[in-house]
């Protein structure tokens, strides 16, 4: 008991300085060139839970709470679009118990989202992107309910990638283009990059300015493959439930220092 109390002392002693630095960094970031769209690969939930000797669902639960914090941070800064990688098509290969627990969590969070005061006060539109037909019926219905309940909003956009794969998105777009070409809705010579963007899961979605991956891994893992050609990539070692506001602000501050040339 005494050891635990002592271990918290450094955090307590340094908190005033930490809070002061966070406020300073927030003001610097707020005054700079802010990204319009941030995408996050929310990695490390399971490893964080394992570190605490907890089951995987414990990490996913705290990951969902962290996402709520990040939505708030984006609102405070005026960052209008956030896209998060919640569950990939490959994640279905995990154990049945973990997948079932995740699906229960998704359904519950979508139901809560519909009733969340902040969603309606801030005007957040929710898009669920991916192969929704792969989801259990109850999860799919809850996701569609969240989309319907927020469809009229356009102040902020939260894209939740669920049963998602970047390659699958491109394949699905190509299939739709071919169908429209076969019935004469478009000519092959009309097909270009801008047209393809109109057939993605969120038509004409602005490309992410920043892609963040937590958890220490340095790879994209089939996330937004078409959209991130010129995104600024940031990989951080902390597990997603431990991702702090100060980490978020530091990334944006670093982004503001970079010169984005887009191949020019």
Protein backbone atom coordinates (compact mmCIF):
# COMPACT_ATOMS: atom_id res chain seq x y z
CA UNK A 1 0.00 0.00 0.00
CA UNK A 2 2.81 2.39 0.97
CA UNK A 3 4.71 1.48 -2.22
CA UNK A 4 1.70 2.36 -4.33
CA UNK A 5 1.33 5.72 -2.62
CA UNK A 6 5.01 6.50 -3.10
CA UNK A 7 4.86 5.50 -6.78
CA UNK A 8 2.15 8.11 -7.37
CA UNK A 9 4.19 10.92 -5.75
CA UNK A 10 6.22 11.84 -8.87
CA UNK A 11 3.02 12.18 -10.91
CA UNK A 12 1.43 14.36 -8.24
CA UNK A 13 4.55 16.51 -7.83
CA UNK A 14 5.04 17.09 -11.57
CA UNK A 15 1.36 17.51 -12.48
CA UNK A 16 1.32 21.34 -12.13
CA UNK A 17 4.32 21.62 -14.47
CA UNK A 18 2.80 19.09 -16.86
CA UNK A 19 -0.52 20.98 -16.94
CA UNK A 20 1.28 24.27 -17.55
CA UNK A 21 3.26 22.81 -20.46
CA UNK A 22 0.11 21.25 -21.92
CA UNK A 23 -1.68 24.63 -21.86
CA UNK A 24 1.35 26.32 -23.44
CA UNK A 25 1.53 23.68 -26.17
CA UNK A 26 -2.22 23.91 -26.80
CA UNK A 27 -1.99 27.67 -27.38
CA UNK A 28 0.99 27.26 -29.74
CA UNK A 29 -0.81 24.57 -31.73
CA UNK A 30 -4.09 26.49 -31.80
CA UNK A 31 -2.33 29.52 -33.27
CA UNK A 32 -0.66 27.50 -36.04
CA UNK A 33 -1.79 25.82 -39.25
CA UNK A 34 -4.18 23.13 -38.03
CA UNK A 35 -4.80 19.88 -39.89
CA UNK A 36 -8.28 19.49 -41.30
CA UNK A 37 -8.32 15.68 -41.10
CA UNK A 38 -6.52 13.32 -38.72
CA UNK A 39 -6.55 9.53 -39.04
CA UNK A 40 -5.57 7.21 -36.19
CA UNK A 41 -4.64 3.53 -36.08
CA UNK A 42 -5.66 2.76 -32.50
CA UNK A 43 -3.11 0.06 -31.73
CA UNK A 44 -1.95 -1.45 -28.45
CA UNK A 45 -5.20 -2.04 -26.56
CA UNK A 46 -4.55 -5.75 -26.09
CA UNK A 47 -0.89 -5.34 -25.12
CA UNK A 48 -1.85 -2.65 -22.61
CA UNK A 49 -4.38 -5.03 -21.06
CA UNK A 50 -1.81 -7.85 -21.02
CA UNK A 51 0.64 -5.57 -19.22
CA UNK A 52 -1.99 -5.09 -16.50
CA UNK A 53 -2.75 -8.84 -16.50
CA UNK A 54 -6.27 -8.17 -17.79
CA UNK A 55 -8.23 -9.82 -20.62
CA UNK A 56 -8.18 -8.22 -24.10
CA UNK A 57 -11.69 -6.75 -23.79
CA UNK A 58 -10.43 -4.61 -20.88
CA UNK A 59 -7.98 -2.89 -23.21
CA UNK A 60 -10.63 -2.37 -25.89
CA UNK A 61 -12.97 -0.81 -23.33
CA UNK A 62 -10.36 1.72 -22.22
CA UNK A 63 -9.45 2.29 -25.86
CA UNK A 64 -13.05 3.33 -26.52
CA UNK A 65 -12.84 5.80 -23.63
CA UNK A 66 -9.62 7.22 -25.06
CA UNK A 67 -11.36 7.75 -28.40
CA UNK A 68 -14.00 9.85 -26.64
CA UNK A 69 -11.20 12.02 -25.24
CA UNK A 70 -9.64 12.45 -28.69
CA UNK A 71 -12.97 13.53 -30.17
CA UNK A 72 -13.08 16.20 -27.45
CA UNK A 73 -9.50 17.31 -28.23
CA UNK A 74 -10.39 17.67 -31.91
CA UNK A 75 -13.40 19.78 -30.99
CA UNK A 76 -11.30 22.04 -28.77
CA UNK A 77 -8.83 22.63 -31.61
CA UNK A 78 -11.41 22.89 -34.38
CA UNK A 79 -10.13 19.83 -36.27
CA UNK A 80 -13.22 18.94 -38.23
CA UNK A 81 -12.56 15.38 -39.40
CA UNK A 82 -11.30 12.33 -37.52
CA UNK A 83 -11.02 8.83 -38.98
CA UNK A 84 -10.20 5.90 -36.70
CA UNK A 85 -9.32 2.29 -37.44
CA UNK A 86 -11.55 0.32 -35.07
CA UNK A 87 -11.67 -3.18 -36.59
CA UNK A 88 -10.11 -4.54 -39.77
CA UNK A 89 -11.34 -7.32 -42.03
CA UNK A 90 -8.33 -9.33 -40.80
CA UNK A 91 -9.39 -8.89 -37.15
CA UNK A 92 -12.18 -11.43 -37.70
CA UNK A 93 -9.40 -14.06 -37.47
CA UNK A 94 -8.98 -13.37 -33.76
CA UNK A 95 -10.49 -15.69 -31.16
CA UNK A 96 -14.28 -15.97 -31.17
CA UNK A 97 -14.48 -14.72 -27.59
CA UNK A 98 -12.50 -11.56 -28.34
CA UNK A 99 -14.45 -10.83 -31.53
CA UNK A 100 -17.77 -11.38 -29.74
CA UNK A 101 -16.71 -9.05 -26.91
CA UNK A 102 -15.65 -6.41 -29.41
CA UNK A 103 -18.94 -6.65 -31.28
CA UNK A 104 -20.83 -6.20 -28.00
CA UNK A 105 -18.70 -3.13 -27.27
CA UNK A 106 -19.31 -1.67 -30.74
CA UNK A 107 -23.06 -2.11 -30.43
CA UNK A 108 -23.14 -0.52 -26.99
CA UNK A 109 -20.98 2.42 -28.04
CA UNK A 110 -23.08 3.12 -31.13
CA UNK A 111 -26.24 3.12 -28.97
CA UNK A 112 -24.56 5.48 -26.50
CA UNK A 113 -23.37 7.71 -29.30
CA UNK A 114 -26.93 8.33 -30.50
CA UNK A 115 -27.81 9.68 -27.04
CA UNK A 116 -24.53 11.52 -26.37
CA UNK A 117 -25.27 15.20 -25.73
CA UNK A 118 -21.90 16.27 -27.15
CA UNK A 119 -22.54 14.61 -30.50
CA UNK A 120 -25.66 16.71 -31.03
CA UNK A 121 -24.30 19.86 -29.40
CA UNK A 122 -21.10 19.82 -31.46
CA UNK A 123 -22.85 18.67 -34.64
CA UNK A 124 -20.79 15.51 -35.27
CA UNK A 125 -21.75 13.37 -38.25
CA UNK A 126 -20.83 9.70 -37.89
CA UNK A 127 -19.87 7.52 -40.84
CA UNK A 128 -19.18 3.82 -40.42
CA UNK A 129 -16.91 2.72 -43.25
CA UNK A 130 -16.10 -0.82 -44.29
CA UNK A 131 -17.88 -3.99 -45.36
CA UNK A 132 -20.80 -3.64 -42.98
CA UNK A 133 -22.39 -6.79 -44.39
CA UNK A 134 -19.69 -8.75 -42.49
CA UNK A 135 -20.91 -7.38 -39.15
CA UNK A 136 -23.50 -9.12 -36.96
CA UNK A 137 -27.00 -7.81 -37.60
CA UNK A 138 -27.29 -6.07 -34.21
CA UNK A 139 -24.00 -4.22 -34.69
CA UNK A 140 -24.88 -3.23 -38.25
CA UNK A 141 -28.27 -1.90 -37.15
CA UNK A 142 -26.70 0.08 -34.27
CA UNK A 143 -24.12 1.57 -36.64
CA UNK A 144 -26.79 2.54 -39.16
CA UNK A 145 -28.86 4.09 -36.38
CA UNK A 146 -25.86 6.27 -35.38
CA UNK A 147 -25.43 7.33 -39.00
CA UNK A 148 -29.12 8.21 -39.38
CA UNK A 149 -29.23 10.14 -36.10
CA UNK A 150 -26.28 12.35 -37.13
CA UNK A 151 -26.80 12.60 -40.88
CA UNK A 152 -27.92 16.24 -40.75
CA UNK A 153 -24.75 17.44 -38.97
CA UNK A 154 -21.72 18.81 -40.78
CA UNK A 155 -19.68 20.73 -38.19
CA UNK A 156 -17.48 17.72 -37.47
CA UNK A 157 -17.13 14.26 -39.00
CA UNK A 158 -16.15 11.04 -37.22
CA UNK A 159 -15.38 8.16 -39.60
CA UNK A 160 -15.22 4.79 -37.86
CA UNK A 161 -13.50 2.10 -39.94
CA UNK A 162 -15.19 -1.16 -39.01
CA UNK A 163 -14.77 -4.44 -40.90
CA UNK A 164 -12.52 -2.24 -42.99
CA UNK A 165 -9.59 -2.89 -45.31
CA UNK A 166 -7.90 -0.39 -47.60
CA UNK A 167 -7.56 -2.93 -50.40
CA UNK A 168 -11.19 -3.98 -49.96
CA UNK A 169 -12.30 -0.36 -50.26
CA UNK A 170 -10.47 0.02 -53.58
CA UNK A 171 -11.84 -3.28 -54.88
CA UNK A 172 -15.40 -2.31 -53.91
CA UNK A 173 -14.98 1.06 -55.63
CA UNK A 174 -13.72 -0.59 -58.82
CA UNK A 175 -16.65 -3.01 -58.84
CA UNK A 176 -19.11 -0.10 -58.59
CA UNK A 177 -17.32 1.78 -61.37
CA UNK A 178 -17.46 -1.28 -63.64
CA UNK A 179 -21.19 -1.74 -62.95
CA UNK A 180 -21.90 1.89 -63.83
CA UNK A 181 -19.75 1.66 -66.96
CA UNK A 182 -21.57 -1.48 -68.13
CA UNK A 183 -24.99 0.22 -67.91
CA UNK A 184 -23.72 3.37 -69.61
CA UNK A 185 -23.63 5.71 -66.61
CA UNK A 186 -20.02 6.60 -67.39
CA UNK A 187 -17.45 6.11 -70.14
CA UNK A 188 -14.06 4.43 -69.52
CA UNK A 189 -12.23 7.62 -70.55
CA UNK A 190 -13.97 9.45 -67.69
CA UNK A 191 -12.27 7.26 -65.10
CA UNK A 192 -9.54 9.16 -63.27
CA UNK A 193 -8.36 9.71 -59.70
CA UNK A 194 -11.11 12.19 -58.90
CA UNK A 195 -13.81 9.85 -60.18
CA UNK A 196 -12.44 6.96 -58.13
CA UNK A 197 -12.61 9.12 -54.99
CA UNK A 198 -16.34 9.51 -55.57
CA UNK A 199 -16.76 5.72 -55.30
CA UNK A 200 -14.89 5.23 -52.02
CA UNK A 201 -16.79 4.49 -48.79
CA UNK A 202 -17.00 8.22 -47.97
CA UNK A 203 -17.25 9.94 -51.36
CA UNK A 204 -14.78 12.79 -51.88
CA UNK A 205 -13.48 12.58 -48.32
CA UNK A 206 -10.51 14.96 -47.85
CA UNK A 207 -7.26 13.04 -47.57
CA UNK A 208 -5.85 12.87 -44.02
CA UNK A 209 -3.22 15.49 -43.25
CA UNK A 210 -1.87 13.32 -40.43
CA UNK A 211 -1.88 9.58 -39.78
CA UNK A 212 -1.03 8.52 -36.21
CA UNK A 213 -0.30 4.96 -35.17
CA UNK A 214 0.05 4.18 -31.48
CA UNK A 215 1.50 0.99 -29.98
CA UNK A 216 5.04 1.11 -31.35
CA UNK A 217 4.46 -0.68 -34.65
CA UNK A 218 5.70 1.04 -37.82
CA UNK A 219 3.32 0.01 -40.59
CA UNK A 220 0.02 1.09 -42.13
CA UNK A 221 -1.82 -2.26 -41.83
CA UNK A 222 -4.13 -1.81 -44.83
CA UNK A 223 -5.57 1.50 -43.60
CA UNK A 224 -6.80 4.17 -46.05
CA UNK A 225 -4.34 3.02 -48.70
CA UNK A 226 -5.74 5.28 -51.41
CA UNK A 227 -6.17 8.36 -49.24
CA UNK A 228 -2.82 8.60 -47.42
CA UNK A 229 -0.48 8.98 -50.41
CA UNK A 230 0.74 12.38 -49.11
CA UNK A 231 -0.26 12.21 -45.45
CA UNK A 232 2.29 12.96 -42.75
CA UNK A 233 2.93 9.75 -40.78
CA UNK A 234 3.60 9.61 -37.03
CA UNK A 235 4.37 6.44 -35.08
CA UNK A 236 4.37 6.59 -31.29
CA UNK A 237 5.46 3.96 -28.78
CA UNK A 238 2.64 4.41 -26.26
CA UNK A 239 -0.28 1.98 -26.25
CA UNK A 240 -3.54 3.57 -27.33
CA UNK A 241 -5.21 3.71 -23.85
CA UNK A 242 -2.10 5.59 -22.61
CA UNK A 243 -2.07 8.12 -25.47
CA UNK A 244 -2.09 11.56 -23.84
CA UNK A 245 -3.31 14.95 -24.95
CA UNK A 246 0.27 16.16 -24.78
CA UNK A 247 1.29 13.40 -27.24
CA UNK A 248 -1.49 14.52 -29.57
CA UNK A 249 -0.44 18.16 -29.35
CA UNK A 250 3.23 17.36 -29.92
CA UNK A 251 2.37 15.48 -33.11
CA UNK A 252 0.35 18.39 -34.45
CA UNK A 253 3.15 20.80 -33.48
CA UNK A 254 5.64 18.67 -35.41
CA UNK A 255 3.24 18.56 -38.36
CA UNK A 256 3.11 22.35 -38.34
CA UNK A 257 6.90 22.49 -38.69
CA UNK A 258 7.00 20.20 -41.73
CA UNK A 259 6.99 21.50 -45.27
CA UNK A 260 4.41 19.61 -47.31
CA UNK A 261 5.45 19.68 -50.97
CA UNK A 262 3.09 17.00 -52.41
CA UNK A 263 5.78 15.89 -54.85
CA UNK A 264 6.55 19.43 -56.06
